[in-house]
Protein backbone atom coordinates (compact mmCIF):
# COMPACT_ATOMS: atom_id res chain seq x y z
CA MET A 1 -10.81 -59.59 67.29
CA CYS A 2 -12.31 -59.30 70.59
CA ARG A 3 -15.98 -61.05 71.11
CA ARG A 4 -16.39 -63.68 74.09
CA ALA A 5 -16.39 -62.80 77.90
CA VAL A 6 -15.17 -64.45 80.21
CA SER A 7 -15.56 -63.77 84.23
CA ARG A 8 -13.94 -61.18 86.52
CA ARG A 9 -10.27 -62.39 88.03
CA SER A 10 -10.81 -61.92 91.77
CA GLU A 11 -6.95 -60.99 92.62
CA ARG A 12 -5.35 -57.91 91.98
CA ASP A 13 -2.90 -57.79 89.05
CA VAL A 14 0.19 -55.64 88.10
CA LEU A 15 0.74 -55.23 84.62
CA LEU A 16 4.47 -55.57 83.90
CA ILE A 17 5.98 -53.78 80.81
CA ALA A 18 9.93 -54.21 80.17
CA VAL A 19 11.76 -52.37 77.64
CA SER A 20 15.34 -52.30 77.18
CA VAL A 21 16.78 -50.02 75.22
CA VAL A 22 20.42 -50.58 74.70
CA LEU A 23 22.75 -47.50 74.55
CA LEU A 24 24.68 -48.18 77.56
CA PRO A 25 28.44 -49.84 77.03
CA ALA A 26 28.48 -53.34 77.70
CA LEU A 27 30.37 -55.58 79.84
CA ALA A 28 33.46 -57.47 78.48
CA GLY A 29 31.57 -60.23 76.52
CA GLY A 30 28.86 -58.64 74.69
CA ALA A 31 26.42 -58.56 77.89
CA THR A 32 23.41 -56.37 76.97
CA PRO A 33 22.52 -53.34 79.92
CA ALA A 34 19.58 -54.71 81.50
CA ILE A 35 17.12 -53.59 83.82
CA GLU A 36 14.01 -55.59 85.97
CA LEU A 37 12.17 -55.64 89.05
CA THR A 38 11.69 -57.76 91.27
CA TYR A 39 9.35 -56.64 93.92
CA VAL A 40 6.38 -54.00 93.05
CA PRO A 41 4.31 -52.77 96.28
CA PRO A 42 1.03 -53.46 96.23
CA TYR A 43 -1.55 -50.67 94.91
CA GLY A 44 -2.46 -48.73 98.41
CA GLY A 45 0.04 -50.21 99.98
CA ALA A 46 3.40 -49.11 101.60
CA GLY A 47 6.58 -50.85 100.86
CA SER A 48 10.02 -50.23 98.63
CA LEU A 49 9.95 -50.82 94.79
CA ARG A 50 12.80 -54.01 94.29
CA GLY A 51 14.76 -54.88 91.28
CA ARG A 52 18.12 -55.81 89.42
CA VAL A 53 20.30 -54.86 87.02
CA SER A 54 22.61 -56.75 84.53
CA GLY A 55 24.97 -56.24 81.58
CA VAL A 56 26.37 -53.20 83.58
CA ASN A 57 29.33 -52.52 86.24
CA PRO A 58 26.71 -51.73 89.50
CA SER A 59 29.22 -49.47 90.74
CA ASP A 60 29.43 -47.20 87.46
CA TYR A 61 25.51 -46.83 87.25
CA ALA A 62 22.31 -46.11 89.29
CA VAL A 63 18.48 -46.37 88.96
CA ALA A 64 16.16 -42.98 88.21
CA VAL A 65 12.58 -44.19 89.84
CA TYR A 66 9.31 -42.30 89.20
CA ILE A 67 5.91 -42.46 90.19
CA ASN A 68 2.50 -41.79 88.52
CA VAL A 69 -0.07 -40.53 90.81
CA PRO A 70 -3.54 -39.59 89.29
CA PRO A 71 -4.20 -36.40 88.91
CA TYR A 72 -0.61 -35.22 90.21
CA GLY A 73 1.61 -36.72 87.66
CA TRP A 74 5.04 -38.23 87.75
CA TRP A 75 7.33 -37.45 90.86
CA THR A 76 10.80 -38.15 91.27
CA LYS A 77 11.26 -40.87 94.17
CA PRO A 78 12.37 -41.38 96.73
CA SER A 79 13.12 -37.58 96.95
CA PHE A 80 14.25 -34.71 94.80
CA ALA A 81 17.62 -34.50 97.19
CA ALA A 82 18.00 -38.02 96.25
CA PRO A 83 17.29 -38.71 92.84
CA LEU A 84 19.12 -41.64 92.20
CA THR A 85 19.04 -45.30 93.40
CA THR A 86 22.14 -46.63 94.09
CA ILE A 87 23.19 -50.27 92.93
CA GLN A 88 24.44 -53.21 95.22
CA SER A 89 27.53 -55.19 94.30
CA ASP A 90 25.34 -57.98 93.20
CA GLY A 91 23.17 -55.59 90.58
CA THR A 92 20.14 -55.37 93.08
CA TRP A 93 18.55 -52.10 94.23
CA THR A 94 15.54 -50.48 96.62
CA CYS A 95 13.70 -47.67 96.55
CA GLN A 96 11.37 -46.25 98.96
CA ILE A 97 8.27 -45.03 96.41
CA VAL A 98 5.68 -44.50 99.52
CA THR A 99 7.08 -41.11 100.87
CA GLY A 100 3.66 -39.08 101.81
CA GLY A 101 0.56 -37.60 100.21
CA GLN A 102 -0.95 -40.31 97.66
CA ASP A 103 1.87 -42.30 96.86
CA SER A 104 0.74 -45.39 97.85
CA TYR A 105 -2.10 -44.81 95.04
CA ALA A 106 0.38 -44.61 91.94
CA THR A 107 -1.07 -46.38 89.21
CA GLU A 108 2.18 -46.52 87.59
CA VAL A 109 6.10 -46.91 88.51
CA ALA A 110 9.17 -46.53 86.11
CA ALA A 111 12.72 -47.42 86.81
CA PHE A 112 15.72 -46.17 84.08
CA LEU A 113 18.72 -47.78 84.24
CA VAL A 114 21.79 -44.60 84.04
CA PRO A 115 25.18 -43.80 84.95
CA ASP A 116 25.69 -42.72 88.26
CA THR A 117 27.30 -39.01 86.93
CA TYR A 118 23.39 -38.88 85.36
CA ASN A 119 21.30 -35.77 86.37
CA PRO A 120 17.75 -36.90 85.89
CA PRO A 121 15.26 -34.79 84.89
CA VAL A 122 13.02 -34.04 88.31
CA GLY A 123 9.79 -35.01 88.28
CA ASP A 124 7.78 -32.69 89.87
CA GLY A 125 4.04 -33.45 88.40
CA GLN A 126 4.29 -33.31 84.59
CA SER A 127 1.69 -35.56 82.72
CA CYS A 128 4.37 -37.34 80.93
CA LEU A 129 7.96 -38.24 81.61
CA PRO A 130 10.57 -36.25 79.15
CA SER A 131 11.15 -38.93 76.13
CA ALA A 132 15.07 -39.01 76.89
CA LEU A 133 14.64 -40.48 79.22
CA TYR A 134 13.57 -43.43 76.96
CA ALA A 135 17.02 -43.39 75.72
CA TYR A 136 18.52 -45.57 78.45
CA PRO A 137 17.34 -49.29 79.70
CA TYR A 138 14.01 -48.96 81.67
CA VAL A 139 11.04 -51.18 83.15
CA GLN A 140 7.84 -49.89 83.60
CA THR A 141 4.71 -51.04 85.32
CA ALA A 142 1.00 -50.27 85.59
CA ARG A 143 -0.56 -51.00 88.81
CA TYR A 144 -4.52 -51.16 87.60
CA GLN A 145 -7.13 -53.81 88.78
CA THR A 146 -8.15 -55.94 85.66
CA ILE A 147 -11.10 -57.59 84.56
CA ASP A 148 -11.65 -60.10 81.74
CA PHE A 149 -14.25 -59.04 78.86
CA ALA A 150 -14.94 -59.49 75.32
CA ASN A 151 -11.99 -61.95 75.47
CA CYS A 152 -9.18 -58.84 76.13
CA ASP A 153 -8.14 -57.93 79.68
CA TRP A 154 -8.81 -54.30 80.67
CA ARG A 155 -7.61 -52.42 82.70
CA ILE A 156 -10.09 -50.73 85.47
CA LYS A 157 -9.31 -46.67 85.82
CA VAL A 158 -9.33 -45.63 89.81
CA ALA A 159 -8.55 -41.73 90.84
CA HIS A 160 -8.96 -41.03 94.65
CA ASP A 161 -9.23 -37.43 93.33
CA VAL A 162 -10.89 -35.77 91.21
CA VAL A 163 -9.26 -36.13 87.35
CA GLY A 164 -10.50 -36.13 83.76
CA PRO A 165 -13.05 -36.39 82.10
CA GLY A 166 -15.36 -34.72 84.67
CA PRO A 167 -13.05 -34.02 86.49
CA ASN A 168 -14.43 -37.33 88.62
CA TYR A 169 -13.85 -40.03 91.24
CA PHE A 170 -12.79 -43.38 89.64
CA SER A 171 -13.66 -46.90 91.14
CA ASP A 172 -12.49 -50.06 90.75
CA SER A 173 -14.64 -51.27 92.88
CA GLY A 174 -16.60 -54.46 92.33
CA GLN A 175 -19.81 -52.35 92.95
CA ASN A 176 -18.98 -50.09 89.62
CA VAL A 177 -17.55 -51.82 87.31
CA TRP A 178 -18.03 -56.06 86.87
CA VAL A 179 -19.08 -58.92 84.51
CA ASP A 180 -22.08 -60.55 85.07
CA THR A 181 -22.88 -64.31 84.23
CA ASN A 182 -23.81 -63.77 81.01
CA GLY A 183 -20.01 -62.24 79.68
CA ARG A 184 -21.89 -58.52 79.94
CA LEU A 185 -19.73 -55.88 80.98
CA HIS A 186 -21.53 -53.80 83.57
CA LEU A 187 -20.66 -49.64 83.87
CA LYS A 188 -21.86 -47.56 86.92
CA VAL A 189 -21.97 -44.36 88.50
CA MET A 190 -23.26 -44.22 92.16
CA GLN A 191 -22.27 -42.64 95.05
CA GLN A 192 -20.37 -43.76 98.16
CA ALA A 193 -19.40 -42.15 101.67
CA GLY A 194 -20.75 -38.57 100.12
CA GLN A 195 -18.61 -39.33 96.54
CA TRP A 196 -19.75 -39.64 93.26
CA LEU A 197 -17.56 -42.95 91.92
CA CYS A 198 -17.54 -43.22 88.20
CA SER A 199 -16.17 -46.04 86.21
CA GLU A 200 -13.75 -46.35 83.43
CA VAL A 201 -12.07 -49.58 81.51
CA ILE A 202 -8.48 -49.34 78.87
CA ALA A 203 -8.01 -52.35 77.03
CA ASP A 204 -4.73 -53.11 77.73
CA ARG A 205 -3.36 -53.28 73.93
CA SER A 206 -3.12 -50.94 71.31
CA LEU A 207 -5.18 -52.02 68.20
CA GLY A 208 -4.14 -48.98 65.45
CA TYR A 209 -6.28 -48.64 62.33
CA GLY A 210 -9.87 -51.00 62.12
CA ARG A 211 -13.59 -51.61 62.94
CA TYR A 212 -14.60 -50.79 66.85
CA SER A 213 -17.83 -51.53 68.01
CA PHE A 214 -19.85 -51.83 71.05
CA THR A 215 -22.84 -52.92 71.81
CA ILE A 216 -25.33 -51.71 74.26
CA THR A 217 -27.86 -53.83 75.98
CA SER A 218 -29.18 -51.60 78.51
CA GLY A 219 -29.00 -48.30 79.94
CA ILE A 220 -29.52 -46.35 77.30
CA ALA A 221 -33.50 -45.20 77.43
CA GLY A 222 -33.48 -42.99 80.50
CA LEU A 223 -29.99 -42.16 80.84
CA ASN A 224 -29.63 -39.08 83.03
CA PRO A 225 -29.01 -36.02 81.28
CA ASN A 226 -25.62 -35.45 83.36
CA VAL A 227 -24.35 -38.63 82.91
CA VAL A 228 -22.26 -39.47 79.67
CA LEU A 229 -21.59 -42.95 78.27
CA GLY A 230 -18.32 -43.04 76.05
CA PHE A 231 -16.54 -45.71 73.63
CA PHE A 232 -13.13 -44.25 72.22
CA THR A 233 -9.79 -44.00 71.76
CA TRP A 234 -6.86 -42.19 73.56
CA GLN A 235 -3.32 -41.61 73.76
CA ASP A 236 -1.74 -39.88 76.76
CA CYS A 237 1.06 -37.30 75.94
CA VAL A 238 0.55 -36.70 72.82
CA PRO A 239 -1.07 -33.29 72.07
CA GLN A 240 -0.14 -32.89 68.64
CA TYR A 241 -2.38 -35.50 67.25
CA HIS A 242 -5.52 -34.51 69.99
CA TYR A 243 -4.52 -37.27 71.75
CA ARG A 244 -5.77 -40.33 69.18
CA GLU A 245 -9.59 -39.38 70.22
CA ILE A 246 -12.30 -40.74 68.09
CA ASP A 247 -15.67 -40.86 70.43
CA VAL A 248 -19.18 -42.47 69.85
CA GLU A 249 -20.72 -41.02 73.05
CA VAL A 250 -24.31 -41.23 74.77
CA SER A 251 -25.24 -38.15 76.68
CA ARG A 252 -27.58 -34.99 76.41
CA TRP A 253 -24.65 -32.99 78.27
CA GLY A 254 -27.09 -31.65 80.76
CA ASP A 255 -29.96 -30.70 78.31
CA ALA A 256 -32.80 -32.59 78.81
CA GLY A 257 -33.86 -31.91 75.13
CA SER A 258 -30.66 -32.26 73.07
CA PRO A 259 -30.04 -35.41 71.06
CA ASN A 260 -28.90 -37.95 73.44
CA THR A 261 -25.80 -39.26 71.05
CA GLN A 262 -22.54 -37.46 68.70
CA PHE A 263 -19.77 -38.90 66.82
CA VAL A 264 -16.82 -37.13 67.51
CA VAL A 265 -13.28 -36.63 66.29
CA GLN A 266 -11.35 -34.49 68.49
CA PRO A 267 -11.11 -31.20 68.76
CA TRP A 268 -14.66 -31.30 69.10
CA ASP A 269 -15.35 -27.72 68.97
CA THR A 270 -13.64 -27.35 65.44
CA ALA A 271 -16.58 -27.17 62.55
CA GLY A 272 -17.34 -30.23 60.92
CA ASN A 273 -15.96 -32.62 63.69
CA ARG A 274 -19.08 -33.39 65.25
CA HIS A 275 -22.25 -35.28 64.49
CA ARG A 276 -25.46 -35.62 66.97
CA PHE A 277 -28.59 -37.36 66.24
CA GLU A 278 -30.97 -38.98 68.56
CA VAL A 279 -31.37 -42.94 69.38
CA ASP A 280 -34.35 -44.13 70.78
CA PRO A 281 -33.34 -48.14 71.50
CA SER A 282 -37.22 -48.82 71.45
CA GLY A 283 -36.83 -49.69 67.78
CA ASP A 284 -35.22 -52.68 68.87
CA PRO A 285 -37.00 -55.22 70.23
CA GLY A 286 -34.60 -55.85 72.95
CA GLY A 287 -33.42 -52.15 73.31
CA VAL A 288 -29.90 -53.38 71.81
CA THR A 289 -27.87 -50.84 69.59
CA THR A 290 -24.99 -51.32 68.37
CA HIS A 291 -22.43 -48.61 67.66
CA GLU A 292 -19.01 -48.47 65.76
CA PHE A 293 -16.44 -46.11 64.04
CA ILE A 294 -13.83 -47.48 61.02
CA TRP A 295 -11.12 -46.22 61.44
CA GLU A 296 -8.77 -45.82 58.23
CA PRO A 297 -5.96 -43.14 57.10
CA GLY A 298 -8.29 -41.17 55.06
CA GLU A 299 -11.50 -41.28 57.02
CA ILE A 300 -13.32 -42.28 59.93
CA GLY A 301 -16.66 -43.82 59.56
CA PHE A 302 -19.19 -43.65 62.10
CA ARG A 303 -22.61 -45.77 62.24
CA SER A 304 -25.21 -46.66 64.82
CA TYR A 305 -27.95 -49.49 63.87
CA TYR A 306 -30.35 -51.84 65.94
CA GLY A 307 -29.32 -55.25 67.22
CA GLY A 308 -26.22 -56.79 67.72
CA PHE A 309 -22.88 -56.50 66.19
CA THR A 310 -23.40 -58.03 62.04
CA LEU A 311 -20.54 -57.88 59.80
CA THR A 312 -23.16 -56.39 57.41
CA PRO A 313 -26.03 -54.56 59.48
CA ALA A 314 -29.68 -54.66 57.16
CA ALA A 315 -30.61 -51.49 55.92
CA GLY A 316 -33.71 -51.06 57.38
CA ASP A 317 -31.50 -51.46 60.99
CA PHE A 318 -29.44 -48.39 60.34
CA ILE A 319 -29.93 -45.99 63.11
CA GLU A 320 -27.26 -42.99 61.85
CA SER A 321 -24.35 -42.63 59.69
CA TRP A 322 -21.89 -40.56 59.54
CA SER A 323 -18.09 -39.81 57.59
CA TYR A 324 -14.85 -37.61 58.78
CA THR A 325 -12.69 -37.30 56.01
CA GLY A 326 -11.38 -33.88 57.79
CA GLY A 327 -7.87 -32.56 58.74
CA ASP A 328 -7.83 -34.29 62.25
CA ILE A 329 -7.68 -37.63 61.35
CA PRO A 330 -5.28 -39.02 63.75
CA PRO A 331 -2.60 -41.60 63.14
CA ALA A 332 -2.78 -44.33 64.39
CA GLY A 333 0.11 -44.89 67.35
CA GLY A 334 -0.04 -45.89 70.85
CA GLU A 335 -3.66 -45.40 71.59
CA ASN A 336 -5.64 -47.61 73.87
CA LEU A 337 -9.68 -48.12 73.37
CA ARG A 338 -11.59 -46.97 76.39
CA ILE A 339 -15.33 -47.24 77.55
CA ASN A 340 -16.24 -45.39 80.73
CA LEU A 341 -19.09 -43.74 82.55
CA TRP A 342 -19.02 -40.63 84.04
CA LEU A 343 -20.76 -37.22 85.07
CA MET A 344 -20.63 -34.04 83.01
CA ASN A 345 -18.83 -31.34 84.71
CA GLY A 346 -18.63 -33.74 87.63
CA LEU A 347 -21.95 -33.13 88.35
CA PRO A 348 -24.52 -35.27 90.05
CA PRO A 349 -27.02 -37.11 87.99
CA THR A 350 -30.45 -34.54 88.13
CA ASN A 351 -32.21 -37.27 90.36
CA GLY A 352 -29.62 -38.20 92.69
CA LEU A 353 -30.08 -41.46 91.50
CA PRO A 354 -27.61 -44.45 90.26
CA ALA A 355 -27.06 -45.28 86.46
CA GLU A 356 -25.59 -47.72 84.99
CA VAL A 357 -25.15 -49.12 81.75
CA VAL A 358 -24.47 -52.83 80.30
CA ILE A 359 -22.57 -53.63 77.05
CA GLY A 360 -22.99 -56.95 75.32
CA GLU A 361 -19.97 -56.82 73.49
CA VAL A 362 -16.74 -55.45 72.03
CA THR A 363 -15.36 -56.27 68.28
CA TYR A 364 -12.50 -54.95 66.71
CA LEU A 365 -11.34 -56.25 63.00
CA PRO A 366 -7.70 -54.89 61.63
CA TYR A 367 -7.23 -52.70 59.33
CA GLU A 368 -4.75 -54.81 57.43
CA PRO A 369 -4.52 -53.68 53.64
CA ALA A 370 -2.37 -56.60 51.86
CA GLY A 371 -0.60 -56.64 48.95
CA VAL A 372 -2.09 -58.31 45.71
CA TYR A 373 1.12 -59.90 44.23
CA ARG A 374 0.83 -59.86 40.18
CA PHE A 375 2.13 -62.93 38.67
CA TRP A 376 2.47 -63.11 34.65
CA SER A 377 3.17 -66.44 32.46
CA PRO A 378 4.87 -65.74 29.17
CA VAL A 379 4.16 -69.95 28.82
CA ASN A 380 0.50 -69.69 29.25
CA SER A 381 -0.20 -65.84 28.35
CA ARG A 382 -2.23 -65.15 31.63
CA HIS A 383 -2.07 -63.21 34.57
CA PHE A 384 -2.33 -64.43 37.96
CA TYR A 385 -3.47 -62.54 41.79
CA THR A 386 -3.07 -63.45 44.89
CA THR A 387 -2.23 -61.94 48.22
CA SER A 388 -0.69 -65.58 49.55
CA GLU A 389 3.03 -64.89 50.62
CA SER A 390 3.31 -68.87 50.45
CA GLU A 391 1.70 -68.92 46.87
CA LYS A 392 3.98 -65.88 46.08
CA LEU A 393 7.18 -67.91 47.28
CA LYS A 394 5.80 -71.28 45.75
CA LEU A 395 5.80 -69.65 42.18
CA GLU A 396 9.10 -67.43 42.83
CA GLN A 397 10.46 -70.89 43.93
CA ASN A 398 9.00 -73.69 42.05
CA TYR A 399 7.61 -72.18 38.87
CA SER A 400 9.51 -69.10 37.87
CA HIS A 401 10.12 -71.36 34.57
CA VAL A 402 6.52 -70.76 33.83
CA TRP A 403 5.07 -67.18 36.47
CA THR A 404 7.10 -64.21 36.58
CA TYR A 405 6.58 -61.95 39.32
CA GLU A 406 5.66 -58.74 38.59
CA GLY A 407 5.40 -56.72 41.57
CA VAL A 408 2.37 -55.72 43.89
CA ALA A 409 -0.72 -54.77 41.55
CA TYR A 410 -2.45 -53.18 44.51
CA SER A 411 -3.77 -53.22 47.76
CA ALA A 412 -6.65 -55.07 49.63
CA PRO A 413 -8.08 -56.47 52.82
CA ALA A 414 -6.92 -59.70 53.38
CA THR A 415 -9.98 -60.61 55.43
CA GLY A 416 -13.24 -59.04 55.65
CA GLY A 417 -15.43 -57.26 58.39
CA ARG A 418 -15.29 -53.66 57.39
CA ALA A 419 -18.04 -51.85 56.47
CA ASN A 420 -18.90 -52.22 52.83
CA LEU A 421 -16.43 -54.69 51.92
CA ALA A 422 -17.09 -57.43 49.70
CA PRO A 423 -15.40 -60.64 49.25
CA VAL A 424 -13.26 -61.41 45.89
CA TYR A 425 -13.82 -64.85 44.67
CA ARG A 426 -11.13 -67.16 43.28
CA PHE A 427 -12.02 -69.60 40.41
CA TRP A 428 -9.85 -72.03 38.41
CA SER A 429 -10.16 -73.73 34.76
CA ALA A 430 -8.16 -76.34 33.82
CA SER A 431 -9.53 -75.93 30.51
CA LEU A 432 -8.45 -72.45 29.86
CA SER A 433 -5.42 -72.26 32.01
CA ALA A 434 -7.20 -69.25 33.98
CA HIS A 435 -8.00 -67.78 36.98
CA PHE A 436 -10.91 -65.79 37.35
CA TYR A 437 -12.32 -63.35 40.06
CA THR A 438 -15.39 -61.34 40.76
CA THR A 439 -16.92 -60.33 43.52
CA SER A 440 -20.75 -60.34 41.81
CA GLU A 441 -22.45 -63.16 43.82
CA ALA A 442 -24.75 -63.86 41.03
CA GLU A 443 -21.71 -64.42 38.97
CA ARG A 444 -20.10 -67.08 41.48
CA ASP A 445 -23.08 -69.11 41.15
CA LYS A 446 -23.72 -68.96 37.64
CA LEU A 447 -20.03 -70.63 37.68
CA ILE A 448 -20.69 -73.13 40.18
CA ASN A 449 -24.11 -73.84 39.33
CA ILE A 450 -24.01 -73.75 34.94
CA TYR A 451 -20.28 -73.84 34.80
CA SER A 452 -18.83 -76.73 37.07
CA HIS A 453 -17.67 -78.52 34.08
CA VAL A 454 -15.30 -75.48 33.57
CA TRP A 455 -14.64 -73.26 36.32
CA THR A 456 -13.65 -74.67 39.73
CA TYR A 457 -14.21 -72.31 42.89
CA GLU A 458 -10.99 -72.25 44.99
CA GLN A 459 -11.51 -69.61 47.65
CA ILE A 460 -11.96 -65.99 48.59
CA ALA A 461 -9.11 -64.24 47.41
CA PHE A 462 -9.14 -61.42 49.29
CA TYR A 463 -11.67 -58.11 49.52
CA ALA A 464 -12.30 -55.32 48.38
CA TYR A 465 -15.21 -52.60 47.84
CA ALA A 466 -17.75 -52.89 45.42
CA ASP A 467 -18.04 -50.18 42.78
CA GLY A 468 -20.43 -47.16 44.84
CA GLN A 469 -18.94 -48.44 47.70
CA GLN A 470 -15.97 -47.42 47.98
CA PRO A 471 -14.30 -44.69 50.76
CA PRO A 472 -11.55 -42.08 49.76
CA GLY A 473 -8.27 -43.12 49.03
CA THR A 474 -9.26 -45.95 46.81
CA ALA A 475 -9.27 -46.95 43.36
CA PRO A 476 -10.96 -48.86 40.56
CA VAL A 477 -9.57 -52.13 39.09
CA TYR A 478 -10.54 -52.48 35.12
CA ARG A 479 -11.81 -55.53 33.95
CA PHE A 480 -11.12 -57.10 30.58
CA TRP A 481 -12.09 -59.92 28.44
CA SER A 482 -9.85 -62.01 25.87
CA ASP A 483 -11.76 -64.07 23.14
CA LYS A 484 -8.79 -64.41 21.76
CA LEU A 485 -6.50 -65.81 25.33
CA GLY A 486 -9.80 -67.19 26.75
CA CYS A 487 -9.05 -64.93 30.21
CA HIS A 488 -9.43 -61.70 32.13
CA PHE A 489 -7.07 -58.98 33.19
CA TYR A 490 -7.63 -56.46 35.96
CA THR A 491 -5.26 -53.50 36.82
CA THR A 492 -5.60 -50.40 38.46
CA ASP A 493 -2.99 -48.62 35.70
CA GLU A 494 -5.40 -46.29 34.04
CA ALA A 495 -2.47 -45.79 31.18
CA GLU A 496 -2.74 -49.98 31.11
CA ARG A 497 -6.52 -49.45 30.74
CA ASP A 498 -6.17 -46.85 27.86
CA LYS A 499 -3.42 -49.05 26.47
CA LEU A 500 -5.55 -51.90 25.70
CA ILE A 501 -8.90 -49.96 25.05
CA THR A 502 -7.25 -47.86 22.53
CA ILE A 503 -4.28 -49.81 21.13
CA TYR A 504 -5.47 -53.61 21.48
CA SER A 505 -9.18 -53.40 21.51
CA HIS A 506 -8.67 -56.61 18.99
CA VAL A 507 -7.91 -58.56 21.55
CA TRP A 508 -9.16 -57.28 24.84
CA THR A 509 -12.93 -56.14 25.49
CA TYR A 510 -13.63 -53.50 28.40
CA GLU A 511 -15.92 -54.90 31.01
CA GLY A 512 -16.06 -52.17 33.62
CA ILE A 513 -14.86 -51.73 36.85
CA ALA A 514 -14.54 -55.25 38.84
CA TRP A 515 -13.87 -53.48 42.21
CA HIS A 516 -11.90 -51.07 44.01
CA ALA A 517 -8.40 -51.17 45.97
CA TYR A 518 -6.07 -49.61 47.80
CA ALA A 519 -3.73 -47.92 44.41
CA LEU A 520 -0.65 -47.49 46.96
CA PRO A 521 1.34 -51.35 47.60
CA ALA A 522 0.99 -52.29 50.84
CA GLY A 523 5.28 -53.70 50.97
CA PRO A 524 7.68 -54.97 47.99
């Protein structure tokens, strides 16, 4: 979860991402072919890229180097005529990556260890490097200034020529992007030397499915119609998934009479993929609003509410909610969360004034359905359910004479925080030698306050959806009680349910739906 904010870093950071793919023949002794960077020229400056290789005979290999210069794409270095860099006998190599144009403003550099007979693909402005290159050992670096916000590292986007969205110029200046002493992120659109400069930050790691929330503490009221505030996921080079873009956007899109907020699943112009509405921040005494989307494989749930982030917003605080279950839900992959403030079509604010938005916090909660393991005890004629790997292992290793593992009954989140999730409370009765599970707070409190001599509260077992609050893709968990056995039984299996109702009704009494969970198991 990304919550706490800290101060801005003063130095310019170079982020190194080193990944080695071993497909090359190794030297005698089994050394692994590898490549590393030993010096990266600073962003905006000249100089040569330097590195070292190991695990290969230097005379048989070379290095293919590429740089990415927004918005001009990837380019071969040092030149088309010399696409390979020679490796010295000691394994070191040097490549001049600034040879003209905007080269000093490259934001990414990639180096591949290839056979010296290899004919590398030419980089002449492609938006993505060919995937075939990544079959070789490589190292890749992103040269961005970074900032710490909400307990996460964020890269600050910079572009000295116009790029999307917009197109616009983007600045990493402390006048455009900064974190204040209260830990709030400020994004600003401003004019400097005749150019309007926009701002964007990019989370340094991919998060995947889950709940994404951001809280706006100021800036919505009076936001110029040409200014756009975006909170979204994005991944380059995956047009087949519409770049995995899911958006919450605050803008009137040039029309002062239009609603100022929209939820979007790309492509935005597909019917049913966009939901527009009005947010009036004065509905909160402090003008604070929170906006979020809960991204799951079969549904993306959006909502906006007054006040700061909370696990369960009060019904009276909701501004808008929208559920998308259409055909354009992207699968999770290598996307990153981004926040930006930019100008529609690159047009300046209609009033000619700077625009600023303040983000109080960003919160992410993971989508992690865990397997609910089911055990049967022929000794006690009882079932037991747990998501705990350690409990499962303990029963299998130490109590196999009592408990038989039956498999994964269904899947449920091991942690809370997603919309409409309720904790499943677990009790143990020594006198009945049985466990009891419920999502009902009333049942929980009754057992604690009145029947504590029979039932001992143990913990939250996992999380599930109360009946009526379940999303698509879940299944009901049916609950039975047996007076004869003195225990409950839970199942998602309709055949098992029907069998107990029709054949074993003298033993089991059907009590209804206990909760909803994911029918597909998560793991063995």
